[in-house]
Amino acid sequence: MLTVPAFNLLEGKEMGDLFAVLWLISSILFVGGIVVCIVAKIRKKQLKKPLLVTGILLLISVISLFASSMNMTDYTVMNENEGNKFYQEIDNGKTVEDKTLKFKVKQTGESSTMGMVVLEVPGKKELDIILPNIKATRKIKKDDVVTVKLDKLSSLMGIKMIDASLDNN
């Protein structure tokens, strides 16, 4: 079965790349449409069809530019079911390093003097996100939606932990 990664909605970054390519192509065609309109005007030909096509290309260009600039994440975990699926992918050996995760905080750990803040991801099994102890991470509360860049996966006494940093995009 042939798969095209750009159409896989679970891998959001490829969709962003697809919209960026769509924007580039539609912008180039839009400029070509303007040239066709100018040539049609000079030759005193009818402008209805070239203007319609140029307008549609402009609309596609604007929509794809907006869509490509949206912050897309690799993983989204907002409930226990999504958390269980994410945990299963990690258990199956899926690499999460250098990926982004958007999740609803199930529980926060105490800000410690050890230099880290612990956030729990929803799910039946415990999965903790370890963030640096800075002002922005100390403000995070239960039920906040947070986007993090995942760095390193580790495990301690059966609890999976991922070192991460807040994603500022």
C-alpha atoms as a PDB file:
ATOM      1  CA  MET A   1       0.000   0.000   0.000  1.00  0.00           C
ATOM      2  CA  LEU A   2       1.402   3.380  -1.007  1.00  0.00           C
ATOM      3  CA  THR A   3       1.369   6.008   1.737  1.00  0.00           C
ATOM      4  CA  VAL A   4       2.114   9.682   1.390  1.00  0.00           C
ATOM      5  CA  PRO A   5       3.531  11.109   4.668  1.00  0.00           C
ATOM      6  CA  ALA A   6       2.227  14.599   3.870  1.00  0.00           C
ATOM      7  CA  PHE A   7      -1.344  13.335   4.148  1.00  0.00           C
ATOM      8  CA  ASN A   8      -0.874  11.636   7.514  1.00  0.00           C
ATOM      9  CA  LEU A   9      -2.789  13.895   9.899  1.00  0.00           C
ATOM     10  CA  LEU A  10      -1.072  12.316  12.916  1.00  0.00           C
ATOM     11  CA  GLU A  11       2.232  13.754  11.776  1.00  0.00           C
ATOM     12  CA  GLY A  12       1.273  17.444  11.772  1.00  0.00           C
ATOM     13  CA  LYS A  13       4.566  18.862  10.560  1.00  0.00           C
ATOM     14  CA  GLU A  14       4.217  17.163   7.165  1.00  0.00           C
ATOM     15  CA  MET A  15       0.805  18.808   6.753  1.00  0.00           C
ATOM     16  CA  GLY A  16       2.427  22.184   7.438  1.00  0.00           C
ATOM     17  CA  ASP A  17       5.011  21.415   4.757  1.00  0.00           C
ATOM     18  CA  LEU A  18       2.249  20.439   2.333  1.00  0.00           C
ATOM     19  CA  PHE A  19       0.465  23.762   2.882  1.00  0.00           C
ATOM     20  CA  ALA A  20       3.757  25.644   2.417  1.00  0.00           C
ATOM     21  CA  VAL A  21       4.339  23.932  -0.944  1.00  0.00           C
ATOM     22  CA  LEU A  22       0.712  24.593  -1.930  1.00  0.00           C
ATOM     23  CA  TRP A  23       1.199  28.279  -1.059  1.00  0.00           C
ATOM     24  CA  LEU A  24       4.376  28.486  -3.156  1.00  0.00           C
ATOM     25  CA  ILE A  25       2.780  26.847  -6.201  1.00  0.00           C
ATOM     26  CA  SER A  26      -0.441  28.875  -5.986  1.00  0.00           C
ATOM     27  CA  SER A  27       1.539  32.114  -5.549  1.00  0.00           C
ATOM     28  CA  ILE A  28       3.604  31.403  -8.659  1.00  0.00           C
ATOM     29  CA  LEU A  29       0.440  30.572 -10.614  1.00  0.00           C
ATOM     30  CA  PHE A  30      -1.235  33.725  -9.241  1.00  0.00           C
ATOM     31  CA  VAL A  31       1.595  35.863 -10.624  1.00  0.00           C
ATOM     32  CA  GLY A  32       1.197  34.032 -13.938  1.00  0.00           C
ATOM     33  CA  GLY A  33      -2.538  34.774 -13.806  1.00  0.00           C
ATOM     34  CA  ILE A  34      -1.823  38.478 -13.385  1.00  0.00           C
ATOM     35  CA  VAL A  35       0.454  38.373 -16.436  1.00  0.00           C
ATOM     36  CA  VAL A  36      -2.306  36.630 -18.437  1.00  0.00           C
ATOM     37  CA  CYS A  37      -4.795  39.332 -17.345  1.00  0.00           C
ATOM     38  CA  ILE A  38      -2.405  42.105 -18.410  1.00  0.00           C
ATOM     39  CA  VAL A  39      -1.820  40.449 -21.799  1.00  0.00           C
ATOM     40  CA  ALA A  40      -5.592  39.960 -22.261  1.00  0.00           C
ATOM     41  CA  LYS A  41      -6.219  43.628 -21.412  1.00  0.00           C
ATOM     42  CA  ILE A  42      -3.542  44.774 -23.884  1.00  0.00           C
ATOM     43  CA  ARG A  43      -5.013  42.568 -26.630  1.00  0.00           C
ATOM     44  CA  LYS A  44      -8.522  43.743 -25.670  1.00  0.00           C
ATOM     45  CA  LYS A  45      -9.705  40.198 -24.988  1.00  0.00           C
ATOM     46  CA  GLN A  46     -12.355  39.190 -22.477  1.00  0.00           C
ATOM     47  CA  LEU A  47     -11.029  39.271 -18.872  1.00  0.00           C
ATOM     48  CA  LYS A  48     -13.788  37.299 -17.141  1.00  0.00           C
ATOM     49  CA  LYS A  49     -12.124  33.847 -17.134  1.00  0.00           C
ATOM     50  CA  PRO A  50      -8.540  35.010 -16.405  1.00  0.00           C
ATOM     51  CA  LEU A  51      -9.781  37.189 -13.522  1.00  0.00           C
ATOM     52  CA  LEU A  52     -11.839  34.313 -12.100  1.00  0.00           C
ATOM     53  CA  VAL A  53      -8.882  31.902 -12.228  1.00  0.00           C
ATOM     54  CA  THR A  54      -6.534  34.534 -10.775  1.00  0.00           C
ATOM     55  CA  GLY A  55      -8.990  35.243  -7.949  1.00  0.00           C
ATOM     56  CA  ILE A  56      -9.281  31.534  -7.119  1.00  0.00           C
ATOM     57  CA  LEU A  57      -5.482  31.201  -7.097  1.00  0.00           C
ATOM     58  CA  LEU A  58      -5.238  34.205  -4.775  1.00  0.00           C
ATOM     59  CA  LEU A  59      -7.776  32.610  -2.425  1.00  0.00           C
ATOM     60  CA  ILE A  60      -5.891  29.282  -2.418  1.00  0.00           C
ATOM     61  CA  SER A  61      -2.627  31.132  -1.798  1.00  0.00           C
ATOM     62  CA  VAL A  62      -4.008  33.070   1.189  1.00  0.00           C
ATOM     63  CA  ILE A  63      -5.669  30.003   2.749  1.00  0.00           C
ATOM     64  CA  SER A  64      -2.571  27.825   2.343  1.00  0.00           C
ATOM     65  CA  LEU A  65      -0.322  30.579   3.740  1.00  0.00           C
ATOM     66  CA  PHE A  66      -2.538  30.805   6.822  1.00  0.00           C
ATOM     67  CA  ALA A  67      -2.674  27.010   7.224  1.00  0.00           C
ATOM     68  CA  SER A  68       1.100  26.569   6.842  1.00  0.00           C
ATOM     69  CA  SER A  69       1.808  29.180   9.497  1.00  0.00           C
ATOM     70  CA  MET A  70      -0.339  27.439  12.115  1.00  0.00           C
ATOM     71  CA  ASN A  71       1.572  25.739  14.908  1.00  0.00           C
ATOM     72  CA  MET A  72       1.138  22.029  14.289  1.00  0.00           C
ATOM     73  CA  THR A  73       2.295  19.445  16.788  1.00  0.00           C
ATOM     74  CA  ASP A  74       3.481  15.886  16.286  1.00  0.00           C
ATOM     75  CA  TYR A  75       1.320  14.481  19.103  1.00  0.00           C
ATOM     76  CA  THR A  76      -1.797  15.731  20.888  1.00  0.00           C
ATOM     77  CA  VAL A  77      -2.991  14.189  24.170  1.00  0.00           C
ATOM     78  CA  MET A  78      -6.125  15.775  25.639  1.00  0.00           C
ATOM     79  CA  ASN A  79      -7.756  12.769  27.302  1.00  0.00           C
ATOM     80  CA  GLU A  80      -7.001   9.356  28.775  1.00  0.00           C
ATOM     81  CA  ASN A  81      -7.646   7.482  25.514  1.00  0.00           C
ATOM     82  CA  GLU A  82      -5.167   9.636  23.558  1.00  0.00           C
ATOM     83  CA  GLY A  83      -2.702   9.300  26.449  1.00  0.00           C
ATOM     84  CA  ASN A  84      -2.952   5.512  26.325  1.00  0.00           C
ATOM     85  CA  LYS A  85      -2.296   5.544  22.551  1.00  0.00           C
ATOM     86  CA  PHE A  86       0.728   7.831  23.005  1.00  0.00           C
ATOM     87  CA  TYR A  87       2.073   5.613  25.813  1.00  0.00           C
ATOM     88  CA  GLN A  88       1.573   2.515  23.615  1.00  0.00           C
ATOM     89  CA  GLU A  89       3.578   4.111  20.791  1.00  0.00           C
ATOM     90  CA  ILE A  90       6.412   4.798  23.225  1.00  0.00           C
ATOM     91  CA  ASP A  91       6.180   1.216  24.546  1.00  0.00           C
ATOM     92  CA  ASN A  92       6.414  -0.058  20.964  1.00  0.00           C
ATOM     93  CA  GLY A  93       9.703   1.803  20.492  1.00  0.00           C
ATOM     94  CA  LYS A  94       8.520   4.863  18.577  1.00  0.00           C
ATOM     95  CA  THR A  95      11.100   7.634  18.805  1.00  0.00           C
ATOM     96  CA  VAL A  96       9.715  10.796  20.393  1.00  0.00           C
ATOM     97  CA  GLU A  97      12.919  12.806  20.570  1.00  0.00           C
ATOM     98  CA  ASP A  98      12.774  16.146  18.716  1.00  0.00           C
ATOM     99  CA  LYS A  99       8.968  15.907  18.431  1.00  0.00           C
ATOM    100  CA  THR A 100       6.359  18.254  19.871  1.00  0.00           C
ATOM    101  CA  LEU A 101       3.600  17.205  22.250  1.00  0.00           C
ATOM    102  CA  LYS A 102       0.508  19.219  23.080  1.00  0.00           C
ATOM    103  CA  PHE A 103      -1.261  17.862  26.147  1.00  0.00           C
ATOM    104  CA  LYS A 104      -3.704  18.645  28.921  1.00  0.00           C
ATOM    105  CA  VAL A 105      -1.910  18.488  32.275  1.00  0.00           C
ATOM    106  CA  LYS A 106      -3.363  15.687  34.416  1.00  0.00           C
ATOM    107  CA  GLN A 107      -1.333  16.553  37.487  1.00  0.00           C
ATOM    108  CA  THR A 108       1.625  18.736  38.412  1.00  0.00           C
ATOM    109  CA  GLY A 109       4.468  17.767  40.678  1.00  0.00           C
ATOM    110  CA  GLU A 110       5.973  20.066  43.240  1.00  0.00           C
ATOM    111  CA  SER A 111       8.482  22.573  41.912  1.00  0.00           C
ATOM    112  CA  SER A 112      11.656  21.294  43.384  1.00  0.00           C
ATOM    113  CA  THR A 113      15.012  22.756  44.174  1.00  0.00           C
ATOM    114  CA  MET A 114      16.461  20.013  41.958  1.00  0.00           C
ATOM    115  CA  GLY A 115      15.782  22.222  38.952  1.00  0.00           C
ATOM    116  CA  MET A 116      12.744  20.529  37.420  1.00  0.00           C
ATOM    117  CA  VAL A 117       8.964  20.690  37.206  1.00  0.00           C
ATOM    118  CA  VAL A 118       7.049  17.439  36.602  1.00  0.00           C
ATOM    119  CA  LEU A 119       3.800  17.336  34.592  1.00  0.00           C
ATOM    120  CA  GLU A 120       1.730  14.176  34.189  1.00  0.00           C
ATOM    121  CA  VAL A 121       0.203  13.286  30.813  1.00  0.00           C
ATOM    122  CA  PRO A 122      -3.369  11.836  30.820  1.00  0.00           C
ATOM    123  CA  GLY A 123      -3.588   8.035  30.606  1.00  0.00           C
ATOM    124  CA  LYS A 124      -3.891   4.867  32.674  1.00  0.00           C
ATOM    125  CA  LYS A 125      -0.120   4.419  32.927  1.00  0.00           C
ATOM    126  CA  GLU A 126       2.002   7.171  34.390  1.00  0.00           C
ATOM    127  CA  LEU A 127       3.973   9.263  31.922  1.00  0.00           C
ATOM    128  CA  ASP A 128       5.756  12.330  33.240  1.00  0.00           C
ATOM    129  CA  ILE A 129       7.122  15.293  31.326  1.00  0.00           C
ATOM    130  CA  ILE A 130      10.171  16.794  33.057  1.00  0.00           C
ATOM    131  CA  LEU A 131      10.633  20.533  32.436  1.00  0.00           C
ATOM    132  CA  PRO A 132      13.284  22.948  33.698  1.00  0.00           C
ATOM    133  CA  ASN A 133      12.292  24.821  36.864  1.00  0.00           C
ATOM    134  CA  ILE A 134      11.753  28.309  35.450  1.00  0.00           C
ATOM    135  CA  LYS A 135       9.072  30.942  36.039  1.00  0.00           C
ATOM    136  CA  ALA A 136       6.958  29.885  33.031  1.00  0.00           C
ATOM    137  CA  THR A 137       6.895  26.198  33.998  1.00  0.00           C
ATOM    138  CA  ARG A 138       6.093  26.925  37.651  1.00  0.00           C
ATOM    139  CA  LYS A 139       2.911  28.734  36.525  1.00  0.00           C
ATOM    140  CA  ILE A 140       1.499  25.600  34.860  1.00  0.00           C
ATOM    141  CA  LYS A 141      -1.516  24.134  36.673  1.00  0.00           C
ATOM    142  CA  LYS A 142      -3.702  21.045  36.390  1.00  0.00           C
ATOM    143  CA  ASP A 143      -5.926  21.107  33.259  1.00  0.00           C
ATOM    144  CA  ASP A 144      -3.706  23.663  31.467  1.00  0.00           C
ATOM    145  CA  VAL A 145      -2.936  22.844  27.828  1.00  0.00           C
ATOM    146  CA  VAL A 146       0.820  22.865  27.278  1.00  0.00           C
ATOM    147  CA  THR A 147       2.992  22.351  24.188  1.00  0.00           C
ATOM    148  CA  VAL A 148       6.480  20.974  24.776  1.00  0.00           C
ATOM    149  CA  LYS A 149       9.447  19.916  22.664  1.00  0.00           C
ATOM    150  CA  LEU A 150      10.446  16.394  23.679  1.00  0.00           C
ATOM    151  CA  ASP A 151      14.136  15.738  24.268  1.00  0.00           C
ATOM    152  CA  LYS A 152      14.989  12.428  25.951  1.00  0.00           C
ATOM    153  CA  LEU A 153      12.950   9.407  27.050  1.00  0.00           C
ATOM    154  CA  SER A 154      13.917   7.525  30.210  1.00  0.00           C
ATOM    155  CA  SER A 155      12.289   5.174  32.698  1.00  0.00           C
ATOM    156  CA  LEU A 156      12.536   4.909  36.480  1.00  0.00           C
ATOM    157  CA  MET A 157      10.782   2.148  38.435  1.00  0.00           C
ATOM    158  CA  GLY A 158       8.275   1.553  35.626  1.00  0.00           C
ATOM    159  CA  ILE A 159       7.404   5.223  35.200  1.00  0.00           C
ATOM    160  CA  LYS A 160       8.278   6.661  31.802  1.00  0.00           C
ATOM    161  CA  MET A 161       9.703  10.179  31.864  1.00  0.00           C
ATOM    162  CA  ILE A 162      10.518  12.519  29.016  1.00  0.00           C
ATOM    163  CA  ASP A 163      12.857  15.467  29.412  1.00  0.00           C
ATOM    164  CA  ALA A 164      11.346  18.389  27.545  1.00  0.00           C
ATOM    165  CA  SER A 165      11.262  22.159  27.158  1.00  0.00           C
ATOM    166  CA  LEU A 166       8.337  24.521  26.631  1.00  0.00           C
ATOM    167  CA  ASP A 167       7.626  25.113  22.967  1.00  0.00           C
ATOM    168  CA  ASN A 168       7.416  28.853  22.345  1.00  0.00           C
ATOM    169  CA  ASN A 169       5.962  28.622  18.822  1.00  0.00           C
END
